[in-house]
Amino acid sequence: MNRSREQLLEDRHMRDAARALVEADLENLRADLALKGLGERAVDRIAGGASEVYEEAIEVAADHKGALAAIVAALVLWFARHPILEALFGEDEPGGGD
């Protein structure tokens, strides 16, 4: 019987210590949130994520310069396709479908 009482007291002390830790963590969280709100934290996280994506894109672009050059060339050709086709084949005559 004596051992179970000792175990009960020990368990109670462990519970109280754990509760004190949780309450201290909650108090720290509340104080931290009072200094910087959730909106500011979200903006900081998004900005940090965007920064990481940008850095990764720069790294990939540096590693694959040939592919990047091909993509840029394809985009330029796509947007300039009408003037290029007109220069090669001439302008279609307006109403010339007779």
PDB file of N, CA and C in Angstrom:
ATOM      1  N   MET A   1       0.822  -1.183   0.000  1.00  0.00           N
ATOM      2  CA  MET A   1       0.000   0.000   0.000  1.00  0.00           C
ATOM      3  C   MET A   1       0.871   1.252   0.000  1.00  0.00           C
ATOM      4  N   ASN A   2       1.966   1.176   0.720  1.00  0.00           N
ATOM      5  CA  ASN A   2       2.859   2.314   0.837  1.00  0.00           C
ATOM      6  C   ASN A   2       3.452   2.679  -0.528  1.00  0.00           C
ATOM      7  N   ARG A   3       3.798   1.647  -1.327  1.00  0.00           N
ATOM      8  CA  ARG A   3       4.391   1.869  -2.647  1.00  0.00           C
ATOM      9  C   ARG A   3       3.396   2.548  -3.582  1.00  0.00           C
ATOM     10  N   SER A   4       2.158   2.155  -3.539  1.00  0.00           N
ATOM     11  CA  SER A   4       1.158   2.766  -4.419  1.00  0.00           C
ATOM     12  C   SER A   4       0.928   4.226  -4.047  1.00  0.00           C
ATOM     13  N   ARG A   5       0.993   4.541  -2.763  1.00  0.00           N
ATOM     14  CA  ARG A   5       0.842   5.941  -2.332  1.00  0.00           C
ATOM     15  C   ARG A   5       2.030   6.773  -2.819  1.00  0.00           C
ATOM     16  N   GLU A   6       3.231   6.218  -2.716  1.00  0.00           N
ATOM     17  CA  GLU A   6       4.419   6.898  -3.218  1.00  0.00           C
ATOM     18  C   GLU A   6       4.323   7.113  -4.727  1.00  0.00           C
ATOM     19  N   GLN A   7       3.854   6.095  -5.424  1.00  0.00           N
ATOM     20  CA  GLN A   7       3.691   6.190  -6.877  1.00  0.00           C
ATOM     21  C   GLN A   7       2.662   7.264  -7.225  1.00  0.00           C
ATOM     22  N   LEU A   8       1.589   7.299  -6.463  1.00  0.00           N
ATOM     23  CA  LEU A   8       0.550   8.298  -6.687  1.00  0.00           C
ATOM     24  C   LEU A   8       1.111   9.709  -6.499  1.00  0.00           C
ATOM     25  N   LEU A   9       1.865   9.920  -5.436  1.00  0.00           N
ATOM     26  CA  LEU A   9       2.465  11.236  -5.193  1.00  0.00           C
ATOM     27  C   LEU A   9       3.468  11.610  -6.288  1.00  0.00           C
ATOM     28  N   GLU A  10       4.251  10.627  -6.693  1.00  0.00           N
ATOM     29  CA  GLU A  10       5.218  10.887  -7.765  1.00  0.00           C
ATOM     30  C   GLU A  10       4.503  11.242  -9.064  1.00  0.00           C
ATOM     31  N   ASP A  11       3.465  10.496  -9.386  1.00  0.00           N
ATOM     32  CA  ASP A  11       2.684  10.778 -10.593  1.00  0.00           C
ATOM     33  C   ASP A  11       2.044  12.165 -10.524  1.00  0.00           C
ATOM     34  N   ARG A  12       1.555  12.534  -9.361  1.00  0.00           N
ATOM     35  CA  ARG A  12       0.955  13.847  -9.174  1.00  0.00           C
ATOM     36  C   ARG A  12       1.977  14.963  -9.408  1.00  0.00           C
ATOM     37  N   HIS A  13       3.188  14.767  -8.887  1.00  0.00           N
ATOM     38  CA  HIS A  13       4.249  15.761  -9.078  1.00  0.00           C
ATOM     39  C   HIS A  13       4.622  15.876 -10.557  1.00  0.00           C
ATOM     40  N   MET A  14       4.679  14.730 -11.234  1.00  0.00           N
ATOM     41  CA  MET A  14       4.979  14.742 -12.676  1.00  0.00           C
ATOM     42  C   MET A  14       3.880  15.468 -13.439  1.00  0.00           C
ATOM     43  N   ARG A  15       2.627  15.215 -13.077  1.00  0.00           N
ATOM     44  CA  ARG A  15       1.501  15.879 -13.724  1.00  0.00           C
ATOM     45  C   ARG A  15       1.571  17.378 -13.500  1.00  0.00           C
ATOM     46  N   ASP A  16       1.833  17.781 -12.271  1.00  0.00           N
ATOM     47  CA  ASP A  16       1.906  19.209 -11.955  1.00  0.00           C
ATOM     48  C   ASP A  16       3.057  19.887 -12.689  1.00  0.00           C
ATOM     49  N   ALA A  17       4.184  19.193 -12.796  1.00  0.00           N
ATOM     50  CA  ALA A  17       5.331  19.752 -13.517  1.00  0.00           C
ATOM     51  C   ALA A  17       5.003  19.894 -15.003  1.00  0.00           C
ATOM     52  N   ALA A  18       4.350  18.892 -15.565  1.00  0.00           N
ATOM     53  CA  ALA A  18       3.967  18.957 -16.976  1.00  0.00           C
ATOM     54  C   ALA A  18       2.965  20.081 -17.209  1.00  0.00           C
ATOM     55  N   ARG A  19       2.024  20.226 -16.314  1.00  0.00           N
ATOM     56  CA  ARG A  19       1.033  21.300 -16.431  1.00  0.00           C
ATOM     57  C   ARG A  19       1.708  22.666 -16.369  1.00  0.00           C
ATOM     58  N   ALA A  20       2.674  22.812 -15.465  1.00  0.00           N
ATOM     59  CA  ALA A  20       3.397  24.075 -15.342  1.00  0.00           C
ATOM     60  C   ALA A  20       4.143  24.391 -16.636  1.00  0.00           C
ATOM     61  N   LEU A  21       4.733  23.377 -17.267  1.00  0.00           N
ATOM     62  CA  LEU A  21       5.426  23.587 -18.531  1.00  0.00           C
ATOM     63  C   LEU A  21       4.467  24.026 -19.633  1.00  0.00           C
ATOM     64  N   VAL A  22       3.317  23.370 -19.708  1.00  0.00           N
ATOM     65  CA  VAL A  22       2.322  23.723 -20.725  1.00  0.00           C
ATOM     66  C   VAL A  22       1.816  25.142 -20.498  1.00  0.00           C
ATOM     67  N   GLU A  23       1.534  25.489 -19.268  1.00  0.00           N
ATOM     68  CA  GLU A  23       1.065  26.843 -18.970  1.00  0.00           C
ATOM     69  C   GLU A  23       2.127  27.888 -19.286  1.00  0.00           C
ATOM     70  N   ALA A  24       3.388  27.587 -19.009  1.00  0.00           N
ATOM     71  CA  ALA A  24       4.475  28.507 -19.351  1.00  0.00           C
ATOM     72  C   ALA A  24       4.595  28.659 -20.857  1.00  0.00           C
ATOM     73  N   ASP A  25       4.454  27.547 -21.591  1.00  0.00           N
ATOM     74  CA  ASP A  25       4.497  27.620 -23.054  1.00  0.00           C
ATOM     75  C   ASP A  25       3.352  28.465 -23.594  1.00  0.00           C
ATOM     76  N   LEU A  26       2.159  28.276 -23.038  1.00  0.00           N
ATOM     77  CA  LEU A  26       1.015  29.079 -23.479  1.00  0.00           C
ATOM     78  C   LEU A  26       1.223  30.561 -23.193  1.00  0.00           C
ATOM     79  N   GLU A  27       1.776  30.865 -22.056  1.00  0.00           N
ATOM     80  CA  GLU A  27       2.042  32.265 -21.711  1.00  0.00           C
ATOM     81  C   GLU A  27       3.074  32.873 -22.652  1.00  0.00           C
ATOM     82  N   ASN A  28       4.110  32.106 -22.967  1.00  0.00           N
ATOM     83  CA  ASN A  28       5.116  32.578 -23.922  1.00  0.00           C
ATOM     84  C   ASN A  28       4.508  32.797 -25.302  1.00  0.00           C
ATOM     85  N   LEU A  29       3.625  31.893 -25.722  1.00  0.00           N
ATOM     86  CA  LEU A  29       2.954  32.030 -27.005  1.00  0.00           C
ATOM     87  C   LEU A  29       2.071  33.264 -27.041  1.00  0.00           C
ATOM     88  N   ARG A  30       1.327  33.490 -25.975  1.00  0.00           N
ATOM     89  CA  ARG A  30       0.480  34.684 -25.911  1.00  0.00           C
ATOM     90  C   ARG A  30       1.316  35.957 -25.979  1.00  0.00           C
ATOM     91  N   ALA A  31       2.418  35.986 -25.257  1.00  0.00           N
ATOM     92  CA  ALA A  31       3.293  37.164 -25.275  1.00  0.00           C
ATOM     93  C   ALA A  31       3.892  37.363 -26.657  1.00  0.00           C
ATOM     94  N   ASP A  32       4.266  36.278 -27.286  1.00  0.00           N
ATOM     95  CA  ASP A  32       4.850  36.352 -28.622  1.00  0.00           C
ATOM     96  C   ASP A  32       3.828  36.851 -29.636  1.00  0.00           C
ATOM     97  N   LEU A  33       2.596  36.358 -29.529  1.00  0.00           N
ATOM     98  CA  LEU A  33       1.536  36.803 -30.437  1.00  0.00           C
ATOM     99  C   LEU A  33       1.166  38.258 -30.195  1.00  0.00           C
ATOM    100  N   ALA A  34       1.304  38.716 -28.969  1.00  0.00           N
ATOM    101  CA  ALA A  34       1.015  40.119 -28.672  1.00  0.00           C
ATOM    102  C   ALA A  34       2.032  41.023 -29.360  1.00  0.00           C
ATOM    103  N   LEU A  35       3.272  40.561 -29.476  1.00  0.00           N
ATOM    104  CA  LEU A  35       4.307  41.355 -30.138  1.00  0.00           C
ATOM    105  C   LEU A  35       4.139  41.352 -31.651  1.00  0.00           C
ATOM    106  N   LYS A  36       3.782  40.200 -32.201  1.00  0.00           N
ATOM    107  CA  LYS A  36       3.670  40.063 -33.651  1.00  0.00           C
ATOM    108  C   LYS A  36       2.432  39.236 -33.953  1.00  0.00           C
ATOM    109  N   GLY A  37       1.463  39.847 -34.634  1.00  0.00           N
ATOM    110  CA  GLY A  37       0.194  39.181 -34.899  1.00  0.00           C
ATOM    111  C   GLY A  37       0.293  38.081 -35.947  1.00  0.00           C
ATOM    112  N   LEU A  38      -0.795  37.361 -36.102  1.00  0.00           N
ATOM    113  CA  LEU A  38      -0.838  36.256 -37.058  1.00  0.00           C
ATOM    114  C   LEU A  38      -0.670  36.742 -38.489  1.00  0.00           C
ATOM    115  N   GLY A  39      -1.259  37.896 -38.806  1.00  0.00           N
ATOM    116  CA  GLY A  39      -1.135  38.437 -40.161  1.00  0.00           C
ATOM    117  C   GLY A  39       0.309  38.735 -40.523  1.00  0.00           C
ATOM    118  N   GLU A  40       1.022  39.355 -39.606  1.00  0.00           N
ATOM    119  CA  GLU A  40       2.435  39.658 -39.849  1.00  0.00           C
ATOM    120  C   GLU A  40       3.245  38.381 -40.004  1.00  0.00           C
ATOM    121  N   ARG A  41       2.919  37.388 -39.196  1.00  0.00           N
ATOM    122  CA  ARG A  41       3.631  36.115 -39.292  1.00  0.00           C
ATOM    123  C   ARG A  41       3.375  35.457 -40.643  1.00  0.00           C
ATOM    124  N   ALA A  42       2.121  35.514 -41.118  1.00  0.00           N
ATOM    125  CA  ALA A  42       1.788  34.928 -42.414  1.00  0.00           C
ATOM    126  C   ALA A  42       2.542  35.639 -43.534  1.00  0.00           C
ATOM    127  N   VAL A  43       2.591  36.964 -43.476  1.00  0.00           N
ATOM    128  CA  VAL A  43       3.307  37.727 -44.501  1.00  0.00           C
ATOM    129  C   VAL A  43       4.790  37.367 -44.482  1.00  0.00           C
ATOM    130  N   ASP A  44       5.360  37.262 -43.300  1.00  0.00           N
ATOM    131  CA  ASP A  44       6.777  36.893 -43.185  1.00  0.00           C
ATOM    132  C   ASP A  44       7.037  35.507 -43.759  1.00  0.00           C
ATOM    133  N   ARG A  45       6.139  34.574 -43.475  1.00  0.00           N
ATOM    134  CA  ARG A  45       6.300  33.214 -43.994  1.00  0.00           C
ATOM    135  C   ARG A  45       6.198  33.182 -45.504  1.00  0.00           C
ATOM    136  N   ILE A  46       5.220  33.919 -46.052  1.00  0.00           N
ATOM    137  CA  ILE A  46       5.049  33.954 -47.506  1.00  0.00           C
ATOM    138  C   ILE A  46       6.264  34.602 -48.156  1.00  0.00           C
ATOM    139  N   ALA A  47       6.735  35.697 -47.581  1.00  0.00           N
ATOM    140  CA  ALA A  47       7.914  36.374 -48.127  1.00  0.00           C
ATOM    141  C   ALA A  47       9.136  35.461 -48.058  1.00  0.00           C
ATOM    142  N   GLY A  48       9.284  34.752 -46.965  1.00  0.00           N
ATOM    143  CA  GLY A  48      10.398  33.817 -46.840  1.00  0.00           C
ATOM    144  C   GLY A  48      10.312  32.695 -47.857  1.00  0.00           C
ATOM    145  N   GLY A  49       9.120  32.176 -48.061  1.00  0.00           N
ATOM    146  CA  GLY A  49       8.919  31.111 -49.052  1.00  0.00           C
ATOM    147  C   GLY A  49       9.189  31.603 -50.460  1.00  0.00           C
ATOM    148  N   ALA A  50       8.727  32.821 -50.769  1.00  0.00           N
ATOM    149  CA  ALA A  50       8.966  33.388 -52.094  1.00  0.00           C
ATOM    150  C   ALA A  50      10.456  33.607 -52.317  1.00  0.00           C
ATOM    151  N   SER A  51      11.139  34.030 -51.286  1.00  0.00           N
ATOM    152  CA  SER A  51      12.584  34.237 -51.382  1.00  0.00           C
ATOM    153  C   SER A  51      13.296  32.916 -51.663  1.00  0.00           C
ATOM    154  N   GLU A  52      12.879  31.857 -50.990  1.00  0.00           N
ATOM    155  CA  GLU A  52      13.487  30.544 -51.224  1.00  0.00           C
ATOM    156  C   GLU A  52      13.220  30.059 -52.645  1.00  0.00           C
ATOM    157  N   VAL A  53      12.001  30.259 -53.147  1.00  0.00           N
ATOM    158  CA  VAL A  53      11.663  29.850 -54.511  1.00  0.00           C
ATOM    159  C   VAL A  53      12.507  30.634 -55.512  1.00  0.00           C
ATOM    160  N   TYR A  54      12.667  31.934 -55.278  1.00  0.00           N
ATOM    161  CA  TYR A  54      13.469  32.777 -56.165  1.00  0.00           C
ATOM    162  C   TYR A  54      14.920  32.297 -56.187  1.00  0.00           C
ATOM    163  N   GLU A  55      15.480  32.027 -55.018  1.00  0.00           N
ATOM    164  CA  GLU A  55      16.860  31.548 -54.950  1.00  0.00           C
ATOM    165  C   GLU A  55      17.018  30.209 -55.661  1.00  0.00           C
ATOM    166  N   GLU A  56      16.041  29.330 -55.504  1.00  0.00           N
ATOM    167  CA  GLU A  56      16.083  28.035 -56.181  1.00  0.00           C
ATOM    168  C   GLU A  56      15.995  28.217 -57.695  1.00  0.00           C
ATOM    169  N   ALA A  57      15.146  29.136 -58.149  1.00  0.00           N
ATOM    170  CA  ALA A  57      15.008  29.397 -59.588  1.00  0.00           C
ATOM    171  C   ALA A  57      16.315  29.941 -60.160  1.00  0.00           C
ATOM    172  N   ILE A  58      16.963  30.830 -59.433  1.00  0.00           N
ATOM    173  CA  ILE A  58      18.243  31.370 -59.885  1.00  0.00           C
ATOM    174  C   ILE A  58      19.283  30.255 -59.987  1.00  0.00           C
ATOM    175  N   GLU A  59      19.290  29.370 -59.013  1.00  0.00           N
ATOM    176  CA  GLU A  59      20.245  28.262 -59.022  1.00  0.00           C
ATOM    177  C   GLU A  59      19.992  27.315 -60.192  1.00  0.00           C
ATOM    178  N   VAL A  60      18.727  26.985 -60.431  1.00  0.00           N
ATOM    179  CA  VAL A  60      18.390  26.090 -61.536  1.00  0.00           C
ATOM    180  C   VAL A  60      18.723  26.753 -62.866  1.00  0.00           C
ATOM    181  N   ALA A  61      18.420  28.054 -62.987  1.00  0.00           N
ATOM    182  CA  ALA A  61      18.719  28.769 -64.228  1.00  0.00           C
ATOM    183  C   ALA A  61      20.224  28.792 -64.487  1.00  0.00           C
ATOM    184  N   ALA A  62      21.004  28.967 -63.439  1.00  0.00           N
ATOM    185  CA  ALA A  62      22.459  28.977 -63.606  1.00  0.00           C
ATOM    186  C   ALA A  62      22.970  27.604 -64.029  1.00  0.00           C
ATOM    187  N   ASP A  63      22.340  26.553 -63.543  1.00  0.00           N
ATOM    188  CA  ASP A  63      22.762  25.189 -63.880  1.00  0.00           C
ATOM    189  C   ASP A  63      22.316  24.764 -65.279  1.00  0.00           C
ATOM    190  N   HIS A  64      21.270  25.396 -65.816  1.00  0.00           N
ATOM    191  CA  HIS A  64      20.700  24.987 -67.100  1.00  0.00           C
ATOM    192  C   HIS A  64      20.586  26.189 -68.034  1.00  0.00           C
ATOM    193  N   LYS A  65      21.700  26.820 -68.327  1.00  0.00           N
ATOM    194  CA  LYS A  65      21.696  28.026 -69.158  1.00  0.00           C
ATOM    195  C   LYS A  65      21.215  27.740 -70.574  1.00  0.00           C
ATOM    196  N   GLY A  66      21.575  26.596 -71.125  1.00  0.00           N
ATOM    197  CA  GLY A  66      21.164  26.247 -72.486  1.00  0.00           C
ATOM    198  C   GLY A  66      19.656  26.102 -72.595  1.00  0.00           C
ATOM    199  N   ALA A  67      19.052  25.417 -71.647  1.00  0.00           N
ATOM    200  CA  ALA A  67      17.600  25.246 -71.660  1.00  0.00           C
ATOM    201  C   ALA A  67      16.906  26.582 -71.478  1.00  0.00           C
ATOM    202  N   LEU A  68      17.447  27.424 -70.617  1.00  0.00           N
ATOM    203  CA  LEU A  68      16.863  28.739 -70.401  1.00  0.00           C
ATOM    204  C   LEU A  68      16.946  29.578 -71.669  1.00  0.00           C
ATOM    205  N   ALA A  69      18.070  29.519 -72.369  1.00  0.00           N
ATOM    206  CA  ALA A  69      18.228  30.263 -73.625  1.00  0.00           C
ATOM    207  C   ALA A  69      17.229  29.758 -74.668  1.00  0.00           C
ATOM    208  N   ALA A  70      17.013  28.449 -74.727  1.00  0.00           N
ATOM    209  CA  ALA A  70      16.055  27.882 -75.682  1.00  0.00           C
ATOM    210  C   ALA A  70      14.640  28.335 -75.366  1.00  0.00           C
ATOM    211  N   ILE A  71      14.294  28.389 -74.110  1.00  0.00           N
ATOM    212  CA  ILE A  71      12.952  28.841 -73.720  1.00  0.00           C
ATOM    213  C   ILE A  71      12.751  30.308 -74.072  1.00  0.00           C
ATOM    214  N   VAL A  72      13.751  31.132 -73.792  1.00  0.00           N
ATOM    215  CA  VAL A  72      13.649  32.558 -74.118  1.00  0.00           C
ATOM    216  C   VAL A  72      13.533  32.741 -75.632  1.00  0.00           C
ATOM    217  N   ALA A  73      14.330  31.989 -76.408  1.00  0.00           N
ATOM    218  CA  ALA A  73      14.266  32.083 -77.870  1.00  0.00           C
ATOM    219  C   ALA A  73      12.894  31.654 -78.377  1.00  0.00           C
ATOM    220  N   ALA A  74      12.342  30.600 -77.811  1.00  0.00           N
ATOM    221  CA  ALA A  74      11.015  30.136 -78.228  1.00  0.00           C
ATOM    222  C   ALA A  74       9.955  31.188 -77.921  1.00  0.00           C
ATOM    223  N   LEU A  75      10.057  31.836 -76.774  1.00  0.00           N
ATOM    224  CA  LEU A  75       9.094  32.884 -76.432  1.00  0.00           C
ATOM    225  C   LEU A  75       9.204  34.073 -77.375  1.00  0.00           C
ATOM    226  N   VAL A  76      10.422  34.463 -77.696  1.00  0.00           N
ATOM    227  CA  VAL A  76      10.621  35.588 -78.620  1.00  0.00           C
ATOM    228  C   VAL A  76      10.033  35.245 -79.983  1.00  0.00           C
ATOM    229  N   LEU A  77      10.316  34.046 -80.468  1.00  0.00           N
ATOM    230  CA  LEU A  77       9.761  33.630 -81.761  1.00  0.00           C
ATOM    231  C   LEU A  77       8.236  33.569 -81.727  1.00  0.00           C
ATOM    232  N   TRP A  78       7.673  33.103 -80.647  1.00  0.00           N
ATOM    233  CA  TRP A  78       6.224  33.011 -80.544  1.00  0.00           C
ATOM    234  C   TRP A  78       5.572  34.390 -80.619  1.00  0.00           C
ATOM    235  N   PHE A  79       6.113  35.341 -79.839  1.00  0.00           N
ATOM    236  CA  PHE A  79       5.515  36.679 -79.838  1.00  0.00           C
ATOM    237  C   PHE A  79       5.820  37.451 -81.122  1.00  0.00           C
ATOM    238  N   ALA A  80       6.869  37.082 -81.821  1.00  0.00           N
ATOM    239  CA  ALA A  80       7.216  37.779 -83.066  1.00  0.00           C
ATOM    240  C   ALA A  80       6.801  36.974 -84.292  1.00  0.00           C
ATOM    241  N   ARG A  81       5.948  35.997 -84.159  1.00  0.00           N
ATOM    242  CA  ARG A  81       5.605  35.109 -85.275  1.00  0.00           C
ATOM    243  C   ARG A  81       4.898  35.828 -86.411  1.00  0.00           C
ATOM    244  N   HIS A  82       4.002  36.756 -86.109  1.00  0.00           N
ATOM    245  CA  HIS A  82       3.271  37.447 -87.180  1.00  0.00           C
ATOM    246  C   HIS A  82       4.197  38.330 -88.011  1.00  0.00           C
ATOM    247  N   PRO A  83       5.023  39.166 -87.409  1.00  0.00           N
ATOM    248  CA  PRO A  83       5.947  39.954 -88.232  1.00  0.00           C
ATOM    249  C   PRO A  83       6.942  39.081 -89.003  1.00  0.00           C
ATOM    250  N   ILE A  84       7.379  37.989 -88.422  1.00  0.00           N
ATOM    251  CA  ILE A  84       8.315  37.097 -89.112  1.00  0.00           C
ATOM    252  C   ILE A  84       7.636  36.449 -90.316  1.00  0.00           C
ATOM    253  N   LEU A  85       6.411  35.960 -90.129  1.00  0.00           N
ATOM    254  CA  LEU A  85       5.679  35.340 -91.234  1.00  0.00           C
ATOM    255  C   LEU A  85       5.381  36.352 -92.335  1.00  0.00           C
ATOM    256  N   GLU A  86       5.048  37.583 -91.967  1.00  0.00           N
ATOM    257  CA  GLU A  86       4.800  38.622 -92.964  1.00  0.00           C
ATOM    258  C   GLU A  86       6.072  38.945 -93.736  1.00  0.00           C
ATOM    259  N   ALA A  87       7.208  38.948 -93.075  1.00  0.00           N
ATOM    260  CA  ALA A  87       8.473  39.243 -93.741  1.00  0.00           C
ATOM    261  C   ALA A  87       8.847  38.114 -94.708  1.00  0.00           C
ATOM    262  N   LEU A  88       8.547  36.881 -94.335  1.00  0.00           N
ATOM    263  CA  LEU A  88       8.900  35.748 -95.188  1.00  0.00           C
ATOM    264  C   LEU A  88       7.936  35.549 -96.355  1.00  0.00           C
ATOM    265  N   PHE A  89       6.640  35.656 -96.090  1.00  0.00           N
ATOM    266  CA  PHE A  89       5.642  35.303 -97.109  1.00  0.00           C
ATOM    267  C   PHE A  89       4.853  36.494 -97.615  1.00  0.00           C
ATOM    268  N   GLY A  90       5.095  37.648 -97.119  1.00  0.00           N
ATOM    269  CA  GLY A  90       4.362  38.827 -97.534  1.00  0.00           C
ATOM    270  C   GLY A  90       3.051  38.932 -96.796  1.00  0.00           C
ATOM    271  N   GLU A  91       2.476  40.115 -96.908  1.00  0.00           N
ATOM    272  CA  GLU A  91       1.224  40.364 -96.219  1.00  0.00           C
ATOM    273  C   GLU A  91       0.076  39.763 -97.012  1.00  0.00           C
ATOM    274  N   ASP A  92      -0.870  39.149 -96.321  1.00  0.00           N
ATOM    275  CA  ASP A  92      -2.070  38.678 -97.005  1.00  0.00           C
ATOM    276  C   ASP A  92      -2.836  39.882 -97.514  1.00  0.00           C
ATOM    277  N   GLU A  93      -3.360  39.750 -98.714  1.00  0.00           N
ATOM    278  CA  GLU A  93      -4.135  40.857 -99.270  1.00  0.00           C
ATOM    279  C   GLU A  93      -5.478  40.910 -98.577  1.00  0.00           C
ATOM    280  N   PRO A  94      -5.900  42.124 -98.185  1.00  0.00           N
ATOM    281  CA  PRO A  94      -7.198  42.211 -97.545  1.00  0.00           C
ATOM    282  C   PRO A  94      -8.311  41.786 -98.507  1.00  0.00           C
ATOM    283  N   GLY A  95      -9.170  40.912 -98.077  1.00  0.00           N
ATOM    284  CA  GLY A  95     -10.297  40.447 -98.894  1.00  0.00           C
ATOM    285  C   GLY A  95      -9.835  39.614-100.074  1.00  0.00           C
ATOM    286  N   GLY A  96      -8.661  39.046-100.012  1.00  0.00           N
ATOM    287  CA  GLY A  96      -8.103  38.293-101.144  1.00  0.00           C
ATOM    288  C   GLY A  96      -8.484  36.834-101.142  1.00  0.00           C
ATOM    289  N   GLY A  97      -9.595  36.469-100.558  1.00  0.00           N
ATOM    290  CA  GLY A  97     -10.000  35.069-100.491  1.00  0.00           C
ATOM    291  C   GLY A  97     -10.867  34.661-101.668  1.00  0.00           C
ATOM    292  N   ASP A  98     -11.033  35.496-102.765  1.00  0.00           N
ATOM    293  CA  ASP A  98     -11.933  35.187-103.906  1.00  0.00           C
ATOM    294  C   ASP A  98     -11.367  34.166-104.788  1.00  0.00           C
TER     295      ASP A  98
END
